[in-house]
Amino acid sequence: MQITFFRRRMLRRLMGVGVRPLLCGLGVVCVVVVYLMYTQPSGVHIVCECNEEVETEERVARYLNTLMAEVDPVTNRTAEASVRAFHPSLAVEFLTQQERKGKRCRNTPGVFSVRHRNVVWQEADVGGTVFLAFGAYFDDRDVEEGPLVRVLVMVESPKPPTPTCHLWFEGDVAPTATRAIRVEYVHWQERFTGVWLPYIVTCRAGRGLRGVPQVASLVPHACASSTNALRVLQHDRSEPKRGLALCHKFIFNPVRDISQRLAEWIEAARAWGVDHITTYEASAHPNVAKILRHYEKEGFLSVIPWQNPGSQPNVPHLYRAFYDTQRYSLFTTENIPYTDCLLRHLASHRYVGVWDVDEFLVPAPPFVSIPDMIDGAKGTAHSIGVKPPTSYLARCSYFFDNLTEPATSDMPEYLHLLRHVTRTAKFSPPKVFTKAVHDTSYALGLHAHFALLNLEGEVDRERDLYHLYPASEGYLGHYRPACQGESQEECNASFRPFTTRDTAMWRYRDQIAGNTKRVLSSLGIVPP
């Protein structure tokens, strides 16, 4: 392997302080490997050599090209393109390319040396600790730090070891290795042993190292054999950033038909300035699947397959029981799709929002869109000398299910958002039950309510969060049968008795109602 000048100098020093006889006895190669395993400085790049090659298996060499070129008659995609479209991060083109060469470097994985876990996760063993990798993302926002690769993982450890990243640039046959500079926890609750916990592994991509890395993997030490291959997600920066992308966590209930609510929610998002939605699908009712496929084909919605990590259940009818009873696991796991969605939109959008189908962030007049409202709030923060916020938090007001408008011919019964225009006069406190819009210039790790990490590290809840003023900026409408939380005492005393009529959603009433009916009727979910 080739080692940077810095590392060659350090190795010479080691060999000159009384350990030369031992090194000679073990052999230089062994010493170099041990040295790289235990003393590799973070952020230093090592260009691995292809010292040993693995021949492509005979049957793989004979059949792989034909098998990967088979065309799916439904999607008209090849098998290789279908794998890429389905899997959130598997670098399938890179892997098949390695096999087509007939030989590959031992430290470069082939198609069938990747260790898969539960369809969407790839496994890395780092010093006996299993890392499950979900995705890798190029991040060049921090000028001082330089270009980085972030790897989103779950680890069943409260104190995971520091892995090394392997990076393949265009045309590489062997990787460039660099030990991670940080492993950051993406959660707000205490860490426990024996639970899958979310982390972001950050590695330097190197200034001037032949552009942007195409593939990344996690390994225990420099130039080790890899068991994962993550396509590094990046975007064309020649296009100007769009306004707002909306992120929704996994859809998981195969028996609940929320298709009508979902279609209206998507059309309301479009009307209020959202130009793309990303959601994650574990299991869905057939009508909900129809909605997802419709908007996915239209290009307005991205649907990413989802399965739970590790030993968590992935049985469709167990998902809801698991998430409703194992709340700690839910709150740790859902931070993966939230953060994945943010990192997917770093270069394409200025803002990323996070809320559920029974919620909607409603701008106050005179704002005509959610991005317009956030721009206004950013201007307010600047005018009072506050640093640019990472997250903009909207306080909650309830639109209870029983406070509904009568159905009419132009506002049918299935239009839930539009038929609920009576809400509680009281809002939740600023730090309770909020949902947020995040600035992609600063945010890094998300959970359901606000950013946990930004480019400076852990978010300072007093300094990095901006609380939208409901009357003049916007609020979160929560459409549900009762207040959030187990106890309803405060709800019955302070929220339910005091209501006000609020028709802000009607600004785009005709657009939302018309588009929702068109979609639902075209899919056979409601009569034409």
Protein backbone atom coordinates (compact mmCIF):
# COMPACT_ATOMS: atom_id res chain seq x y z
CA MET A 1 0.00 0.00 0.00
CA GLN A 2 1.12 3.56 -0.55
CA ILE A 3 1.26 5.79 2.53
CA THR A 4 1.27 9.56 2.66
CA PHE A 5 4.54 11.37 3.47
CA PHE A 6 3.31 12.06 6.99
CA ARG A 7 2.63 8.40 7.65
CA ARG A 8 5.96 7.23 6.18
CA ARG A 9 7.75 9.65 8.50
CA MET A 10 5.83 8.38 11.54
CA LEU A 11 6.58 4.76 10.64
CA ARG A 12 10.30 5.51 10.33
CA ARG A 13 10.20 7.05 13.83
CA LEU A 14 8.53 3.94 15.22
CA MET A 15 11.20 1.77 13.66
CA GLY A 16 13.95 3.94 15.14
CA VAL A 17 13.03 3.78 18.82
CA GLY A 18 14.08 0.31 19.80
CA VAL A 19 11.46 -1.80 18.07
CA ARG A 20 13.48 -2.64 14.91
CA PRO A 21 14.35 -6.21 15.97
CA LEU A 22 10.72 -6.98 16.70
CA LEU A 23 9.63 -5.49 13.39
CA CYS A 24 12.16 -7.52 11.50
CA GLY A 25 10.97 -10.63 13.26
CA LEU A 26 7.31 -10.07 12.45
CA GLY A 27 7.87 -8.74 8.98
CA VAL A 28 7.35 -5.22 7.73
CA VAL A 29 4.00 -6.00 6.15
CA CYS A 30 2.56 -7.25 9.44
CA VAL A 31 3.83 -4.18 11.29
CA VAL A 32 2.34 -1.81 8.75
CA VAL A 33 -1.04 -3.51 9.05
CA VAL A 34 -0.98 -3.39 12.87
CA TYR A 35 0.13 0.23 12.75
CA LEU A 36 -2.69 1.18 10.41
CA MET A 37 -5.24 -0.67 12.54
CA TYR A 38 -4.41 1.02 15.81
CA THR A 39 -2.70 4.33 15.10
CA GLN A 40 -4.29 5.62 11.92
CA PRO A 41 -4.88 9.35 12.50
CA SER A 42 -8.37 10.60 11.73
CA GLY A 43 -8.77 12.36 8.40
CA VAL A 44 -5.44 11.22 6.91
CA HIS A 45 -5.82 9.66 3.47
CA ILE A 46 -4.08 6.43 2.47
CA VAL A 47 -4.14 5.22 -1.11
CA CYS A 48 -4.51 1.45 -0.89
CA GLU A 49 -2.65 -0.71 -3.38
CA CYS A 50 -4.12 -3.73 -5.09
CA ASN A 51 -1.71 -6.24 -3.57
CA GLU A 52 -4.04 -9.21 -3.99
CA GLU A 53 -6.76 -9.90 -6.53
CA VAL A 54 -9.89 -12.02 -6.39
CA GLU A 55 -11.02 -13.74 -9.55
CA THR A 56 -14.68 -13.48 -10.51
CA GLU A 57 -16.48 -16.76 -9.89
CA GLU A 58 -16.98 -18.84 -13.01
CA ARG A 59 -20.79 -18.74 -13.00
CA VAL A 60 -20.82 -15.03 -12.18
CA ALA A 61 -18.53 -14.35 -15.11
CA ARG A 62 -20.70 -16.46 -17.39
CA TYR A 63 -24.20 -15.25 -16.45
CA LEU A 64 -24.03 -11.91 -14.62
CA ASN A 65 -24.12 -9.65 -17.70
CA THR A 66 -27.14 -11.47 -19.12
CA LEU A 67 -29.00 -11.55 -15.81
CA MET A 68 -28.42 -7.88 -15.03
CA ALA A 69 -29.54 -6.90 -18.55
CA GLU A 70 -32.93 -8.62 -18.25
CA VAL A 71 -35.76 -6.08 -18.68
CA ASP A 72 -38.70 -5.79 -16.31
CA PRO A 73 -41.78 -5.57 -18.59
CA VAL A 74 -43.70 -3.43 -16.09
CA THR A 75 -41.08 -0.72 -15.52
CA ASN A 76 -39.08 -1.28 -18.75
CA ARG A 77 -35.91 -1.14 -16.62
CA THR A 78 -33.03 -3.56 -16.70
CA ALA A 79 -32.43 -5.64 -13.60
CA GLU A 80 -29.41 -3.47 -12.78
CA ALA A 81 -31.42 -0.24 -13.13
CA SER A 82 -34.25 -1.76 -11.07
CA VAL A 83 -31.87 -2.56 -8.21
CA ARG A 84 -30.58 1.01 -8.26
CA ALA A 85 -34.12 2.42 -8.26
CA PHE A 86 -35.23 0.14 -5.43
CA HIS A 87 -32.27 0.21 -3.06
CA PRO A 88 -31.59 3.53 -1.32
CA SER A 89 -27.81 3.21 -1.41
CA LEU A 90 -26.39 0.01 -2.93
CA ALA A 91 -23.68 0.88 -5.49
CA VAL A 92 -24.86 -1.84 -7.86
CA GLU A 93 -23.26 -0.45 -11.04
CA PHE A 94 -19.89 -0.23 -9.32
CA LEU A 95 -20.19 -3.77 -7.97
CA THR A 96 -21.18 -5.34 -11.27
CA GLN A 97 -18.42 -3.40 -13.01
CA GLN A 98 -15.86 -4.96 -10.67
CA GLU A 99 -17.13 -8.44 -11.53
CA ARG A 100 -17.10 -7.76 -15.27
CA LYS A 101 -13.37 -7.09 -15.15
CA GLY A 102 -12.75 -10.74 -14.32
CA LYS A 103 -10.62 -9.77 -11.32
CA ARG A 104 -10.98 -7.24 -8.52
CA CYS A 105 -8.86 -6.09 -5.63
CA ARG A 106 -9.46 -7.99 -2.41
CA ASN A 107 -10.25 -4.74 -0.59
CA THR A 108 -12.90 -3.85 -3.21
CA PRO A 109 -16.21 -5.69 -2.84
CA GLY A 110 -18.00 -7.64 -5.53
CA VAL A 111 -21.74 -8.08 -6.04
CA PHE A 112 -22.03 -11.02 -3.68
CA SER A 113 -19.49 -10.07 -1.02
CA VAL A 114 -21.78 -7.32 0.31
CA ARG A 115 -23.45 -8.37 3.55
CA HIS A 116 -27.10 -7.32 3.35
CA ARG A 117 -29.35 -6.91 6.37
CA ASN A 118 -33.12 -6.54 5.95
CA VAL A 119 -32.99 -5.37 2.32
CA VAL A 120 -31.97 -1.72 2.83
CA TRP A 121 -29.08 -2.07 5.31
CA GLN A 122 -25.48 -3.10 4.62
CA GLU A 123 -23.24 -4.54 7.31
CA ALA A 124 -19.75 -3.58 8.44
CA ASP A 125 -17.87 -5.27 11.27
CA VAL A 126 -15.71 -2.70 13.06
CA GLY A 127 -13.65 -4.34 15.76
CA GLY A 128 -16.41 -6.79 16.63
CA THR A 129 -19.15 -4.13 16.58
CA VAL A 130 -21.70 -4.36 13.79
CA PHE A 131 -22.51 -1.15 11.92
CA LEU A 132 -25.62 -1.18 9.71
CA ALA A 133 -25.20 1.43 6.98
CA PHE A 134 -28.23 3.05 5.36
CA GLY A 135 -26.70 5.69 3.09
CA ALA A 136 -23.70 7.84 2.19
CA TYR A 137 -23.86 11.52 1.21
CA PHE A 138 -21.41 14.08 -0.14
CA ASP A 139 -21.35 17.29 1.92
CA ASP A 140 -19.21 20.29 0.96
CA ARG A 141 -21.10 22.97 2.91
CA ASP A 142 -18.38 23.65 5.48
CA VAL A 143 -15.59 25.54 3.72
CA GLU A 144 -13.17 25.20 6.65
CA GLU A 145 -13.66 21.44 7.02
CA GLY A 146 -13.55 20.83 3.30
CA PRO A 147 -15.52 18.17 1.43
CA LEU A 148 -16.92 15.35 3.56
CA VAL A 149 -18.72 12.07 3.18
CA ARG A 150 -21.42 11.41 5.78
CA VAL A 151 -22.51 7.82 6.39
CA LEU A 152 -25.82 7.25 8.18
CA VAL A 153 -25.73 4.14 10.35
CA MET A 154 -27.34 2.31 13.23
CA VAL A 155 -25.17 0.55 15.79
CA GLU A 156 -26.24 -1.63 18.69
CA SER A 157 -23.85 0.17 21.03
CA PRO A 158 -23.92 3.36 23.11
CA LYS A 159 -20.20 3.88 22.43
CA PRO A 160 -19.35 2.57 18.97
CA PRO A 161 -15.71 2.39 17.80
CA THR A 162 -14.46 4.74 15.12
CA PRO A 163 -14.52 3.13 11.67
CA THR A 164 -12.48 3.91 8.59
CA CYS A 165 -14.07 5.02 5.32
CA HIS A 166 -13.03 3.55 2.01
CA LEU A 167 -13.65 5.94 -0.85
CA TRP A 168 -13.59 5.09 -4.55
CA PHE A 169 -13.22 7.94 -7.00
CA GLU A 170 -14.05 7.57 -10.67
CA GLY A 171 -11.85 4.94 -12.29
CA ASP A 172 -10.41 3.58 -9.01
CA VAL A 173 -9.73 -0.14 -8.72
CA ALA A 174 -8.62 0.14 -5.08
CA PRO A 175 -9.97 2.51 -2.42
CA THR A 176 -8.56 5.53 -0.66
CA ALA A 177 -8.83 4.99 3.10
CA THR A 178 -9.44 7.66 5.73
CA ARG A 179 -10.33 7.16 9.38
CA ALA A 180 -13.56 8.89 10.43
CA ILE A 181 -13.14 12.24 12.13
CA ARG A 182 -16.43 11.98 14.06
CA VAL A 183 -19.20 9.56 15.02
CA GLU A 184 -22.17 11.66 16.17
CA TYR A 185 -25.28 10.43 17.96
CA VAL A 186 -28.55 11.44 16.28
CA HIS A 187 -31.06 11.26 19.10
CA TRP A 188 -32.28 13.29 22.07
CA GLN A 189 -32.75 10.45 24.55
CA GLU A 190 -30.24 8.62 26.70
CA ARG A 191 -28.22 5.85 25.06
CA PHE A 192 -28.79 2.27 26.17
CA THR A 193 -26.90 -0.97 25.58
CA GLY A 194 -28.54 -3.59 23.38
CA VAL A 195 -30.63 -1.10 21.37
CA TRP A 196 -30.05 -0.02 17.76
CA LEU A 197 -29.00 3.62 17.89
CA PRO A 198 -28.56 6.15 15.03
CA TYR A 199 -25.23 7.83 14.26
CA ILE A 200 -23.61 9.90 11.52
CA VAL A 201 -20.08 8.81 10.61
CA THR A 202 -18.15 11.70 9.05
CA CYS A 203 -15.05 11.18 6.90
CA ARG A 204 -12.98 13.66 4.96
CA ALA A 205 -13.39 13.35 1.19
CA GLY A 206 -10.08 15.15 0.64
CA ARG A 207 -9.38 18.45 -1.07
CA GLY A 208 -8.33 17.89 -4.66
CA LEU A 209 -8.60 14.10 -4.57
CA ARG A 210 -9.93 13.80 -8.11
CA GLY A 211 -13.37 15.22 -7.50
CA VAL A 212 -16.25 13.65 -5.62
CA PRO A 213 -16.05 10.04 -4.41
CA GLN A 214 -18.52 7.77 -6.17
CA VAL A 215 -18.67 4.91 -3.65
CA ALA A 216 -18.02 4.65 0.09
CA SER A 217 -17.81 1.80 2.56
CA LEU A 218 -17.05 1.36 6.26
CA VAL A 219 -14.21 -0.92 7.31
CA PRO A 220 -12.37 -1.59 10.60
CA HIS A 221 -9.01 -0.26 9.43
CA ALA A 222 -7.26 1.09 6.37
CA CYS A 223 -7.25 -1.16 3.29
CA ALA A 224 -9.23 -3.96 4.94
CA SER A 225 -11.67 -5.97 2.83
CA SER A 226 -15.07 -4.30 2.61
CA THR A 227 -18.47 -5.91 3.09
CA ASN A 228 -20.54 -2.89 2.05
CA ALA A 229 -20.67 -0.53 -0.92
CA LEU A 230 -22.68 2.68 -0.62
CA ARG A 231 -23.44 4.90 -3.58
CA VAL A 232 -22.42 8.41 -2.49
CA LEU A 233 -25.46 10.61 -3.08
CA GLN A 234 -24.70 13.98 -4.63
CA HIS A 235 -26.57 16.53 -6.70
CA ASP A 236 -25.94 18.77 -9.64
CA ARG A 237 -25.03 22.14 -8.16
CA SER A 238 -25.35 23.91 -11.49
CA GLU A 239 -29.11 24.21 -10.89
CA PRO A 240 -30.32 26.81 -8.38
CA LYS A 241 -31.76 25.47 -5.14
CA ARG A 242 -35.52 25.06 -5.02
CA GLY A 243 -37.58 26.17 -2.03
CA LEU A 244 -38.96 23.42 0.20
CA ALA A 245 -38.84 19.62 0.28
CA LEU A 246 -41.13 17.78 2.68
CA CYS A 247 -40.05 14.65 4.56
CA HIS A 248 -42.41 12.01 5.90
CA LYS A 249 -41.29 9.00 7.91
CA PHE A 250 -42.14 5.40 7.06
CA ILE A 251 -45.61 4.30 6.01
CA PHE A 252 -46.15 0.99 7.78
CA ASN A 253 -49.82 0.05 8.25
CA PRO A 254 -51.19 -2.40 5.63
CA VAL A 255 -54.78 -2.30 6.94
CA ARG A 256 -55.37 1.43 7.37
CA ASP A 257 -56.62 3.20 4.26
CA ILE A 258 -55.41 6.80 4.50
CA SER A 259 -55.39 7.26 0.73
CA GLN A 260 -57.94 10.11 0.72
CA ARG A 261 -56.22 11.99 3.54
CA LEU A 262 -52.82 11.39 1.91
CA ALA A 263 -53.89 12.72 -1.50
CA GLU A 264 -55.37 15.89 0.03
CA TRP A 265 -52.26 16.38 2.19
CA ILE A 266 -49.99 16.07 -0.84
CA GLU A 267 -52.09 18.54 -2.85
CA ALA A 268 -52.16 20.97 0.08
CA ALA A 269 -48.37 20.72 0.31
CA ARG A 270 -48.07 21.46 -3.40
CA ALA A 271 -50.41 24.45 -3.11
CA TRP A 272 -48.46 25.92 -0.18
CA GLY A 273 -45.06 25.81 -1.88
CA VAL A 274 -43.66 22.32 -1.33
CA ASP A 275 -42.09 21.15 -4.58
CA HIS A 276 -41.03 17.64 -3.57
CA ILE A 277 -42.00 15.04 -0.96
CA THR A 278 -39.92 12.09 0.21
CA THR A 279 -41.48 9.24 2.16
CA TYR A 280 -40.43 5.76 3.22
CA GLU A 281 -42.55 2.67 2.61
CA ALA A 282 -42.49 -0.42 4.80
CA SER A 283 -46.04 -1.66 4.22
CA ALA A 284 -49.10 0.10 2.81
CA HIS A 285 -52.80 -0.47 2.21
CA PRO A 286 -53.46 -1.12 -1.52
CA ASN A 287 -55.17 2.27 -1.97
CA VAL A 288 -52.29 4.04 -0.23
CA ALA A 289 -49.88 2.23 -2.55
CA LYS A 290 -51.88 3.54 -5.51
CA ILE A 291 -51.43 7.11 -4.26
CA LEU A 292 -47.70 6.61 -3.74
CA ARG A 293 -47.21 5.13 -7.20
CA HIS A 294 -49.26 7.93 -8.82
CA TYR A 295 -47.25 10.80 -7.35
CA GLU A 296 -44.00 8.88 -7.74
CA LYS A 297 -44.67 8.47 -11.47
CA GLU A 298 -45.55 12.17 -11.64
CA GLY A 299 -42.15 12.99 -10.12
CA PHE A 300 -43.55 14.96 -7.19
CA LEU A 301 -42.93 12.17 -4.67
CA SER A 302 -39.95 9.91 -3.95
CA VAL A 303 -40.71 6.62 -2.23
CA ILE A 304 -37.77 4.89 -0.55
CA PRO A 305 -38.15 1.29 0.67
CA TRP A 306 -37.94 0.88 4.42
CA GLN A 307 -37.24 -1.99 6.79
CA ASN A 308 -36.31 -1.94 10.45
CA PRO A 309 -32.66 -2.56 11.38
CA GLY A 310 -31.18 -5.59 13.06
CA SER A 311 -33.57 -7.88 14.90
CA GLN A 312 -36.50 -5.44 14.95
CA PRO A 313 -39.59 -6.98 13.32
CA ASN A 314 -40.27 -6.52 9.63
CA VAL A 315 -43.62 -8.30 9.49
CA PRO A 316 -46.25 -5.96 7.96
CA HIS A 317 -48.94 -6.52 10.59
CA LEU A 318 -46.45 -6.19 13.44
CA TYR A 319 -45.13 -2.76 12.46
CA ARG A 320 -47.86 -0.74 14.17
CA ALA A 321 -47.85 -2.91 17.29
CA PHE A 322 -44.08 -2.49 17.50
CA TYR A 323 -44.03 1.27 16.96
CA ASP A 324 -46.98 1.92 19.29
CA THR A 325 -45.55 -0.10 22.17
CA GLN A 326 -41.77 0.16 21.73
CA ARG A 327 -41.60 3.93 21.73
CA TYR A 328 -37.88 4.25 22.42
CA SER A 329 -37.10 2.09 19.38
CA LEU A 330 -39.53 4.12 17.26
CA PHE A 331 -38.01 7.44 18.28
CA THR A 332 -34.46 6.24 17.61
CA THR A 333 -35.28 4.51 14.33
CA GLU A 334 -37.34 7.29 12.74
CA ASN A 335 -34.37 9.65 12.92
CA ILE A 336 -32.79 7.66 10.10
CA PRO A 337 -35.41 8.57 7.44
CA TYR A 338 -35.66 12.15 8.70
CA THR A 339 -31.88 12.64 8.45
CA ASP A 340 -31.61 10.69 5.20
CA CYS A 341 -34.23 12.97 3.66
CA LEU A 342 -32.36 16.07 4.79
CA LEU A 343 -29.03 14.82 3.43
CA ARG A 344 -30.64 13.90 0.11
CA HIS A 345 -31.76 17.52 -0.35
CA LEU A 346 -28.65 19.45 0.74
CA ALA A 347 -27.89 20.71 -2.75
CA SER A 348 -31.39 20.69 -4.25
CA HIS A 349 -33.46 22.68 -1.70
CA ARG A 350 -33.05 25.61 0.66
CA TYR A 351 -35.38 24.14 3.28
CA VAL A 352 -36.58 20.72 4.41
CA GLY A 353 -39.78 20.31 6.43
CA VAL A 354 -40.84 17.41 8.65
CA TRP A 355 -44.45 16.70 9.59
CA ASP A 356 -47.01 13.90 9.37
CA VAL A 357 -50.17 13.38 7.31
CA ASP A 358 -52.36 14.54 10.22
CA GLU A 359 -50.35 17.79 10.50
CA PHE A 360 -49.83 20.83 8.33
CA LEU A 361 -47.74 23.97 8.76
CA VAL A 362 -50.10 26.87 8.02
CA PRO A 363 -48.55 30.27 7.13
CA ALA A 364 -50.20 33.39 8.48
CA PRO A 365 -51.28 36.23 6.15
CA PRO A 366 -49.81 37.85 4.14
CA PHE A 367 -47.47 34.92 3.41
CA VAL A 368 -48.59 32.98 0.35
CA SER A 369 -46.31 29.94 0.77
CA ILE A 370 -44.31 28.12 3.42
CA PRO A 371 -40.93 29.07 1.87
CA ASP A 372 -42.13 32.68 1.77
CA MET A 373 -42.95 32.47 5.48
CA ILE A 374 -39.56 30.97 6.40
CA ASP A 375 -37.76 33.62 4.35
CA GLY A 376 -39.66 36.23 6.37
CA ALA A 377 -38.73 34.57 9.67
CA LYS A 378 -35.09 34.41 8.60
CA GLY A 379 -35.21 38.13 7.86
CA THR A 380 -36.69 38.78 11.30
CA ALA A 381 -33.96 36.75 12.98
CA HIS A 382 -31.32 38.70 11.06
CA SER A 383 -32.87 42.07 11.96
CA ILE A 384 -32.65 41.36 15.69
CA GLY A 385 -29.05 40.18 15.44
CA VAL A 386 -29.70 36.45 15.83
CA LYS A 387 -27.46 34.04 13.92
CA PRO A 388 -29.22 32.23 11.05
CA PRO A 389 -31.42 29.58 12.71
CA THR A 390 -30.98 25.88 11.98
CA SER A 391 -34.66 25.06 12.56
CA TYR A 392 -37.89 27.08 12.50
CA LEU A 393 -40.38 25.59 14.97
CA ALA A 394 -44.15 25.91 14.60
CA ARG A 395 -46.38 25.67 17.68
CA CYS A 396 -49.40 23.40 17.62
CA SER A 397 -53.11 24.21 17.46
CA TYR A 398 -55.70 21.39 17.28
CA PHE A 399 -58.36 20.89 14.63
CA PHE A 400 -60.44 18.23 16.40
CA ASP A 401 -62.15 15.61 14.26
CA ASN A 402 -65.64 16.48 15.54
CA LEU A 403 -65.33 20.19 14.63
CA THR A 404 -66.06 19.75 10.95
CA GLU A 405 -67.87 21.66 8.21
CA PRO A 406 -70.83 20.03 6.44
CA ALA A 407 -69.96 18.18 3.26
CA THR A 408 -70.98 19.92 0.03
CA SER A 409 -70.75 19.13 -3.67
CA ASP A 410 -67.58 21.19 -4.03
CA MET A 411 -66.16 20.06 -0.68
CA PRO A 412 -66.95 16.34 -0.34
CA GLU A 413 -66.70 14.38 2.86
CA TYR A 414 -63.23 12.97 2.10
CA LEU A 415 -61.60 16.45 2.18
CA HIS A 416 -60.46 16.42 5.78
CA LEU A 417 -58.13 19.45 5.83
CA LEU A 418 -60.55 21.71 3.99
CA ARG A 419 -63.56 20.69 6.07
CA HIS A 420 -61.80 21.43 9.36
CA VAL A 421 -61.54 25.18 9.84
CA THR A 422 -62.32 25.40 13.55
CA ARG A 423 -59.29 25.04 15.79
CA THR A 424 -58.31 25.58 19.40
CA ALA A 425 -57.57 29.19 20.27
CA LYS A 426 -54.72 28.09 22.52
CA PHE A 427 -51.39 26.97 21.08
CA SER A 428 -49.00 24.50 22.63
CA PRO A 429 -45.99 26.02 24.42
CA PRO A 430 -43.00 26.90 22.19
CA LYS A 431 -41.00 23.75 22.99
CA VAL A 432 -43.83 21.21 23.16
CA PHE A 433 -45.35 19.26 20.24
CA THR A 434 -43.72 21.50 17.63
CA LYS A 435 -42.75 20.51 14.09
CA ALA A 436 -40.15 22.34 12.06
CA VAL A 437 -38.65 23.50 8.80
CA HIS A 438 -34.86 23.18 8.64
CA ASP A 439 -32.31 25.26 6.76
CA THR A 440 -30.22 22.94 4.59
CA SER A 441 -27.28 25.34 4.83
CA TYR A 442 -26.75 24.38 8.49
CA ALA A 443 -28.82 21.35 9.57
CA LEU A 444 -27.19 17.92 9.82
CA GLY A 445 -29.10 15.46 12.03
CA LEU A 446 -32.88 15.56 12.56
CA HIS A 447 -35.52 14.11 14.77
CA ALA A 448 -39.28 14.63 14.53
CA HIS A 449 -39.35 18.07 16.15
CA PHE A 450 -36.14 19.97 15.39
CA ALA A 451 -32.54 19.53 14.30
CA LEU A 452 -30.28 17.78 16.80
CA LEU A 453 -27.02 18.47 14.95
CA ASN A 454 -25.78 21.24 12.71
CA LEU A 455 -22.40 21.99 11.15
CA GLU A 456 -21.07 23.21 14.48
CA GLY A 457 -22.04 20.09 16.43
CA GLU A 458 -24.94 19.65 18.84
CA VAL A 459 -27.72 22.18 18.33
CA ASP A 460 -27.97 24.87 21.00
CA ARG A 461 -31.69 24.94 21.77
CA GLU A 462 -31.57 28.59 22.83
CA ARG A 463 -29.38 29.88 20.02
CA ASP A 464 -30.07 27.69 16.97
CA LEU A 465 -33.87 27.31 17.09
CA TYR A 466 -36.35 29.97 15.99
CA HIS A 467 -39.92 29.80 17.31
CA LEU A 468 -42.43 31.02 14.75
CA TYR A 469 -44.99 33.46 16.13
CA PRO A 470 -48.41 31.92 15.33
CA ALA A 471 -50.33 35.15 14.64
CA SER A 472 -47.86 36.77 12.27
CA GLU A 473 -45.74 33.92 10.88
CA GLY A 474 -47.33 30.49 11.10
CA TYR A 475 -48.42 27.54 13.23
CA LEU A 476 -48.80 23.77 13.04
CA GLY A 477 -52.34 22.54 12.51
CA HIS A 478 -52.76 19.14 14.16
CA TYR A 479 -55.81 17.29 12.84
CA ARG A 480 -56.76 14.59 15.34
CA PRO A 481 -59.57 13.37 17.62
CA ALA A 482 -57.92 14.55 20.85
CA CYS A 483 -54.87 16.40 22.12
CA GLN A 484 -51.51 14.70 21.90
CA GLY A 485 -50.39 12.77 24.97
CA GLU A 486 -51.87 10.15 27.25
CA SER A 487 -53.62 12.47 29.72
CA GLN A 488 -56.47 14.60 28.39
CA GLU A 489 -57.05 16.65 31.55
CA GLU A 490 -55.30 19.78 30.29
CA CYS A 491 -56.85 19.26 26.86
CA ASN A 492 -60.38 19.22 28.28
CA ALA A 493 -59.72 22.20 30.55
CA SER A 494 -57.60 24.52 28.39
CA PHE A 495 -57.97 23.53 24.73
CA ARG A 496 -61.38 22.07 23.92
CA PRO A 497 -63.54 24.86 25.45
CA PHE A 498 -61.84 27.66 23.51
CA THR A 499 -62.01 27.55 19.72
CA THR A 500 -61.77 29.95 16.81
CA ARG A 501 -62.64 29.77 13.14
CA ASP A 502 -59.59 29.78 10.85
CA THR A 503 -60.03 29.47 7.10
CA ALA A 504 -56.39 30.05 6.16
CA MET A 505 -56.31 26.69 4.35
CA TRP A 506 -59.06 27.95 2.05
CA ARG A 507 -56.63 30.31 0.29
CA TYR A 508 -56.02 27.41 -2.13
CA ARG A 509 -59.35 25.65 -1.60
CA ASP A 510 -60.28 25.21 -5.27
CA GLN A 511 -56.82 23.99 -6.25
CA ILE A 512 -56.57 21.48 -3.40
CA ALA A 513 -60.13 20.19 -3.78
CA GLY A 514 -59.99 19.93 -7.58
CA ASN A 515 -56.63 18.17 -7.75
CA THR A 516 -57.51 15.78 -4.92
CA LYS A 517 -60.76 14.74 -6.60
CA ARG A 518 -59.03 14.30 -9.95
CA VAL A 519 -56.40 11.98 -8.50
CA LEU A 520 -58.75 9.94 -6.30
CA SER A 521 -61.31 9.44 -9.06
CA SER A 522 -58.68 8.55 -11.66
CA LEU A 523 -57.39 5.83 -9.33
CA GLY A 524 -60.89 4.51 -8.61
CA ILE A 525 -60.73 5.41 -4.92
CA VAL A 526 -63.77 7.75 -5.08
CA PRO A 527 -66.51 7.92 -7.74
CA PRO A 528 -65.83 10.31 -10.64
